[in-house]
Amino acid sequence: EKPAPSRCIAWLALATGGVALLGIVAITLFFTVGGVFGPLNDVCNAAEALLSAALAWALYPVHRARAPRASRFALVAAWVGALVATLGSVWVLSGVTGWYLAGLYTSVGYALIGVWLFGLNYAALHSGLWPRRLAQLGLLVAIGMLVGFLAAPGIVGRIDDPAAAPWFVN
């Protein structure tokens, strides 16, 4: 499989980061101003997750060359995570669930994307794919994302109220 051109990967990475920043601005404005900024944040969460999965796909050939078995698992984790996070956004936007349960889905979805990020940066750290400090930063961010797995019991219990959630889910 031929790797995506580096320009395509760079644009995907920039778009993912840009959407993430827009989401941060939107949630900040939602809590200070209100209005449409909450739904805008939900759209950004879904778009960022899908862009992350697209980035995983674009980087798959590079990852596979360094970690053949782990890279396939990581790619599947990224896509499943993107779908789970997007599902949470779609459900809150359509009124199927409340904001809290949707946030739990987003957390678990991003934890799955973190599995991919960890695998990619672990392979990069041990192969010299990119600078050591960059791979270390990627591992640190991935570990932070993996904390999202603590939200899984809240999904299983269909908890949609932060007051009803165990401390570790919050």
C-alpha atoms as a PDB file:
ATOM      1  CA  GLU A   1       0.000   0.000   0.000  1.00  0.00           C
ATOM      2  CA  LYS A   2       1.449   3.318  -1.055  1.00  0.00           C
ATOM      3  CA  PRO A   3       1.664   5.974   1.680  1.00  0.00           C
ATOM      4  CA  ALA A   4      -0.349   9.154   1.319  1.00  0.00           C
ATOM      5  CA  PRO A   5       1.700  12.132   0.158  1.00  0.00           C
ATOM      6  CA  SER A   6       3.180  14.067   3.058  1.00  0.00           C
ATOM      7  CA  ARG A   7       1.278  17.169   1.938  1.00  0.00           C
ATOM      8  CA  CYS A   8      -2.031  15.297   2.343  1.00  0.00           C
ATOM      9  CA  ILE A   9      -0.988  14.078   5.796  1.00  0.00           C
ATOM     10  CA  ALA A  10       0.065  17.585   6.791  1.00  0.00           C
ATOM     11  CA  TRP A  11      -3.274  19.056   5.708  1.00  0.00           C
ATOM     12  CA  LEU A  12      -5.188  16.326   7.535  1.00  0.00           C
ATOM     13  CA  ALA A  13      -3.177  16.989  10.690  1.00  0.00           C
ATOM     14  CA  LEU A  14      -3.718  20.748  10.411  1.00  0.00           C
ATOM     15  CA  ALA A  15      -7.436  20.323   9.744  1.00  0.00           C
ATOM     16  CA  THR A  16      -7.750  18.015  12.767  1.00  0.00           C
ATOM     17  CA  GLY A  17      -5.975  20.536  14.982  1.00  0.00           C
ATOM     18  CA  GLY A  18      -8.002  23.432  13.583  1.00  0.00           C
ATOM     19  CA  VAL A  19     -11.299  21.671  14.246  1.00  0.00           C
ATOM     20  CA  ALA A  20     -10.094  20.803  17.759  1.00  0.00           C
ATOM     21  CA  LEU A  21      -9.309  24.474  18.442  1.00  0.00           C
ATOM     22  CA  LEU A  22     -12.684  25.536  17.044  1.00  0.00           C
ATOM     23  CA  GLY A  23     -14.334  23.008  19.362  1.00  0.00           C
ATOM     24  CA  ILE A  24     -12.473  24.429  22.372  1.00  0.00           C
ATOM     25  CA  VAL A  25     -13.545  27.949  21.446  1.00  0.00           C
ATOM     26  CA  ALA A  26     -17.129  26.762  20.924  1.00  0.00           C
ATOM     27  CA  ILE A  27     -17.398  25.016  24.302  1.00  0.00           C
ATOM     28  CA  THR A  28     -15.828  28.028  26.027  1.00  0.00           C
ATOM     29  CA  LEU A  29     -18.334  30.340  24.361  1.00  0.00           C
ATOM     30  CA  PHE A  30     -21.172  27.961  25.206  1.00  0.00           C
ATOM     31  CA  PHE A  31     -20.365  28.157  28.907  1.00  0.00           C
ATOM     32  CA  THR A  32     -19.909  31.940  28.805  1.00  0.00           C
ATOM     33  CA  VAL A  33     -22.523  33.019  26.246  1.00  0.00           C
ATOM     34  CA  GLY A  34     -24.713  29.972  25.558  1.00  0.00           C
ATOM     35  CA  GLY A  35     -26.747  29.539  22.403  1.00  0.00           C
ATOM     36  CA  VAL A  36     -25.580  27.601  19.371  1.00  0.00           C
ATOM     37  CA  PHE A  37     -22.049  27.101  20.636  1.00  0.00           C
ATOM     38  CA  GLY A  38     -22.889  23.814  22.407  1.00  0.00           C
ATOM     39  CA  PRO A  39     -24.144  22.167  19.219  1.00  0.00           C
ATOM     40  CA  LEU A  40     -21.182  23.642  17.325  1.00  0.00           C
ATOM     41  CA  ASN A  41     -18.881  21.936  19.828  1.00  0.00           C
ATOM     42  CA  ASP A  42     -20.713  18.641  19.261  1.00  0.00           C
ATOM     43  CA  VAL A  43     -20.218  18.964  15.497  1.00  0.00           C
ATOM     44  CA  CYS A  44     -16.534  19.762  16.060  1.00  0.00           C
ATOM     45  CA  ASN A  45     -16.139  16.691  18.303  1.00  0.00           C
ATOM     46  CA  ALA A  46     -17.528  14.439  15.573  1.00  0.00           C
ATOM     47  CA  ALA A  47     -15.524  16.109  12.801  1.00  0.00           C
ATOM     48  CA  GLU A  48     -12.309  15.924  14.815  1.00  0.00           C
ATOM     49  CA  ALA A  49     -12.856  12.215  15.503  1.00  0.00           C
ATOM     50  CA  LEU A  50     -13.492  11.465  11.822  1.00  0.00           C
ATOM     51  CA  LEU A  51     -10.483  13.536  10.748  1.00  0.00           C
ATOM     52  CA  SER A  52      -8.349  11.651  13.291  1.00  0.00           C
ATOM     53  CA  ALA A  53      -9.454   8.353  11.774  1.00  0.00           C
ATOM     54  CA  ALA A  54      -8.664   9.663   8.296  1.00  0.00           C
ATOM     55  CA  LEU A  55      -5.218  10.666   9.558  1.00  0.00           C
ATOM     56  CA  ALA A  56      -4.747   7.171  10.996  1.00  0.00           C
ATOM     57  CA  TRP A  57      -5.661   5.733   7.615  1.00  0.00           C
ATOM     58  CA  ALA A  58      -3.264   8.054   5.793  1.00  0.00           C
ATOM     59  CA  LEU A  59      -0.431   7.128   8.179  1.00  0.00           C
ATOM     60  CA  TYR A  60      -1.244   3.414   8.142  1.00  0.00           C
ATOM     61  CA  PRO A  61       1.377   2.400   5.543  1.00  0.00           C
ATOM     62  CA  VAL A  62       4.101   4.165   7.512  1.00  0.00           C
ATOM     63  CA  HIS A  63       2.878   2.608  10.765  1.00  0.00           C
ATOM     64  CA  ARG A  64       2.520  -0.854   9.199  1.00  0.00           C
ATOM     65  CA  ALA A  65       6.115  -0.760   7.961  1.00  0.00           C
ATOM     66  CA  ARG A  66       7.295  -0.378  11.567  1.00  0.00           C
ATOM     67  CA  ALA A  67       4.701  -2.472  13.419  1.00  0.00           C
ATOM     68  CA  PRO A  68       2.849  -4.805  11.021  1.00  0.00           C
ATOM     69  CA  ARG A  69       0.488  -6.526  13.490  1.00  0.00           C
ATOM     70  CA  ALA A  70      -0.072  -3.689  15.939  1.00  0.00           C
ATOM     71  CA  SER A  71      -0.755  -1.163  13.169  1.00  0.00           C
ATOM     72  CA  ARG A  72      -3.853  -3.020  11.936  1.00  0.00           C
ATOM     73  CA  PHE A  73      -5.275  -3.213  15.472  1.00  0.00           C
ATOM     74  CA  ALA A  74      -4.493   0.480  15.994  1.00  0.00           C
ATOM     75  CA  LEU A  75      -6.190   1.478  12.735  1.00  0.00           C
ATOM     76  CA  VAL A  76      -9.341  -0.444  13.652  1.00  0.00           C
ATOM     77  CA  ALA A  77      -9.288   1.178  17.123  1.00  0.00           C
ATOM     78  CA  ALA A  78      -9.064   4.633  15.528  1.00  0.00           C
ATOM     79  CA  TRP A  79     -12.031   4.006  13.221  1.00  0.00           C
ATOM     80  CA  VAL A  80     -14.179   2.414  15.922  1.00  0.00           C
ATOM     81  CA  GLY A  81     -13.286   5.311  18.213  1.00  0.00           C
ATOM     82  CA  ALA A  82     -14.255   7.843  15.565  1.00  0.00           C
ATOM     83  CA  LEU A  83     -17.602   6.120  15.095  1.00  0.00           C
ATOM     84  CA  VAL A  84     -18.273   5.943  18.859  1.00  0.00           C
ATOM     85  CA  ALA A  85     -17.406   9.614  19.371  1.00  0.00           C
ATOM     86  CA  THR A  86     -19.492  10.631  16.357  1.00  0.00           C
ATOM     87  CA  LEU A  87     -22.391   8.553  17.623  1.00  0.00           C
ATOM     88  CA  GLY A  88     -22.329  10.474  20.907  1.00  0.00           C
ATOM     89  CA  SER A  89     -22.442  13.779  19.035  1.00  0.00           C
ATOM     90  CA  VAL A  90     -25.245  12.667  16.735  1.00  0.00           C
ATOM     91  CA  TRP A  91     -27.292  11.384  19.670  1.00  0.00           C
ATOM     92  CA  VAL A  92     -27.000  14.584  21.692  1.00  0.00           C
ATOM     93  CA  LEU A  93     -27.742  16.746  18.649  1.00  0.00           C
ATOM     94  CA  SER A  94     -30.840  14.687  17.841  1.00  0.00           C
ATOM     95  CA  GLY A  95     -32.052  14.555  21.450  1.00  0.00           C
ATOM     96  CA  VAL A  96     -31.649  10.789  21.836  1.00  0.00           C
ATOM     97  CA  THR A  97     -29.453  11.335  24.877  1.00  0.00           C
ATOM     98  CA  GLY A  98     -28.373  14.141  27.149  1.00  0.00           C
ATOM     99  CA  TRP A  99     -25.078  15.974  27.110  1.00  0.00           C
ATOM    100  CA  TYR A 100     -23.481  13.891  29.864  1.00  0.00           C
ATOM    101  CA  LEU A 101     -23.977  10.465  28.299  1.00  0.00           C
ATOM    102  CA  ALA A 102     -22.947  11.879  24.927  1.00  0.00           C
ATOM    103  CA  GLY A 103     -19.763  13.129  26.582  1.00  0.00           C
ATOM    104  CA  LEU A 104     -19.083   9.646  27.924  1.00  0.00           C
ATOM    105  CA  TYR A 105     -19.364   8.252  24.393  1.00  0.00           C
ATOM    106  CA  THR A 106     -17.003  10.950  23.173  1.00  0.00           C
ATOM    107  CA  SER A 107     -14.521  10.128  25.941  1.00  0.00           C
ATOM    108  CA  VAL A 108     -14.486   6.412  25.124  1.00  0.00           C
ATOM    109  CA  GLY A 109     -14.296   7.164  21.394  1.00  0.00           C
ATOM    110  CA  TYR A 110     -11.293   9.409  21.889  1.00  0.00           C
ATOM    111  CA  ALA A 111      -9.707   6.787  24.168  1.00  0.00           C
ATOM    112  CA  LEU A 112      -9.901   4.347  21.258  1.00  0.00           C
ATOM    113  CA  ILE A 113      -8.286   6.943  18.998  1.00  0.00           C
ATOM    114  CA  GLY A 114      -5.656   7.256  21.750  1.00  0.00           C
ATOM    115  CA  VAL A 115      -4.883   3.535  21.286  1.00  0.00           C
ATOM    116  CA  TRP A 116      -3.911   4.325  17.693  1.00  0.00           C
ATOM    117  CA  LEU A 117      -1.904   7.395  18.723  1.00  0.00           C
ATOM    118  CA  PHE A 118      -0.033   5.406  21.356  1.00  0.00           C
ATOM    119  CA  GLY A 119       0.804   2.607  18.921  1.00  0.00           C
ATOM    120  CA  LEU A 120       1.934   5.011  16.224  1.00  0.00           C
ATOM    121  CA  ASN A 121       4.180   7.003  18.541  1.00  0.00           C
ATOM    122  CA  TYR A 122       5.554   3.906  20.251  1.00  0.00           C
ATOM    123  CA  ALA A 123       6.593   2.585  16.836  1.00  0.00           C
ATOM    124  CA  ALA A 124       7.993   5.999  15.917  1.00  0.00           C
ATOM    125  CA  LEU A 125       9.983   6.209  19.148  1.00  0.00           C
ATOM    126  CA  HIS A 126      11.641   2.849  18.518  1.00  0.00           C
ATOM    127  CA  SER A 127      12.268   3.328  14.811  1.00  0.00           C
ATOM    128  CA  GLY A 128      13.381   6.949  14.612  1.00  0.00           C
ATOM    129  CA  LEU A 129      10.442   7.761  12.336  1.00  0.00           C
ATOM    130  CA  TRP A 130      10.371  11.310  13.679  1.00  0.00           C
ATOM    131  CA  PRO A 131      12.191  13.239  16.404  1.00  0.00           C
ATOM    132  CA  ARG A 132      12.319  11.490  19.776  1.00  0.00           C
ATOM    133  CA  ARG A 133      10.705  14.383  21.667  1.00  0.00           C
ATOM    134  CA  LEU A 134       7.803  14.475  19.195  1.00  0.00           C
ATOM    135  CA  ALA A 135       7.189  10.753  19.670  1.00  0.00           C
ATOM    136  CA  GLN A 136       7.382  11.230  23.455  1.00  0.00           C
ATOM    137  CA  LEU A 137       4.839  14.058  23.265  1.00  0.00           C
ATOM    138  CA  GLY A 138       2.588  11.812  21.175  1.00  0.00           C
ATOM    139  CA  LEU A 139       2.843   9.074  23.814  1.00  0.00           C
ATOM    140  CA  LEU A 140       2.019  11.527  26.596  1.00  0.00           C
ATOM    141  CA  VAL A 141      -1.047  12.827  24.731  1.00  0.00           C
ATOM    142  CA  ALA A 142      -2.140   9.262  23.967  1.00  0.00           C
ATOM    143  CA  ILE A 143      -1.902   8.303  27.651  1.00  0.00           C
ATOM    144  CA  GLY A 144      -4.094  11.292  28.484  1.00  0.00           C
ATOM    145  CA  MET A 145      -6.613  10.128  25.891  1.00  0.00           C
ATOM    146  CA  LEU A 146      -6.616   6.566  27.277  1.00  0.00           C
ATOM    147  CA  VAL A 147      -8.045   7.911  30.547  1.00  0.00           C
ATOM    148  CA  GLY A 148     -11.305   8.193  28.581  1.00  0.00           C
ATOM    149  CA  PHE A 149     -11.788   4.442  29.049  1.00  0.00           C
ATOM    150  CA  LEU A 150     -12.833   5.235  32.635  1.00  0.00           C
ATOM    151  CA  ALA A 151     -16.104   6.553  31.150  1.00  0.00           C
ATOM    152  CA  ALA A 152     -17.062   3.094  29.837  1.00  0.00           C
ATOM    153  CA  PRO A 153     -18.952   2.009  32.998  1.00  0.00           C
ATOM    154  CA  GLY A 154     -21.098   5.132  32.648  1.00  0.00           C
ATOM    155  CA  ILE A 155     -22.064   4.082  29.133  1.00  0.00           C
ATOM    156  CA  VAL A 156     -22.853   0.550  30.253  1.00  0.00           C
ATOM    157  CA  GLY A 157     -24.993   1.962  33.078  1.00  0.00           C
ATOM    158  CA  ARG A 158     -26.599   4.533  30.711  1.00  0.00           C
ATOM    159  CA  ILE A 159     -25.740   7.271  33.220  1.00  0.00           C
ATOM    160  CA  ASP A 160     -26.862  10.644  31.915  1.00  0.00           C
ATOM    161  CA  ASP A 161     -26.455  12.672  35.099  1.00  0.00           C
ATOM    162  CA  PRO A 162     -23.029  13.636  36.449  1.00  0.00           C
ATOM    163  CA  ALA A 163     -24.366  13.480  40.018  1.00  0.00           C
ATOM    164  CA  ALA A 164     -25.253   9.797  39.527  1.00  0.00           C
ATOM    165  CA  ALA A 165     -21.857   8.815  38.100  1.00  0.00           C
ATOM    166  CA  PRO A 166     -19.067   7.242  40.155  1.00  0.00           C
ATOM    167  CA  TRP A 167     -16.088   9.529  40.781  1.00  0.00           C
ATOM    168  CA  PHE A 168     -13.844   7.745  38.256  1.00  0.00           C
ATOM    169  CA  VAL A 169     -16.411   8.184  35.465  1.00  0.00           C
ATOM    170  CA  ASN A 170     -16.464  11.926  36.106  1.00  0.00           C
END
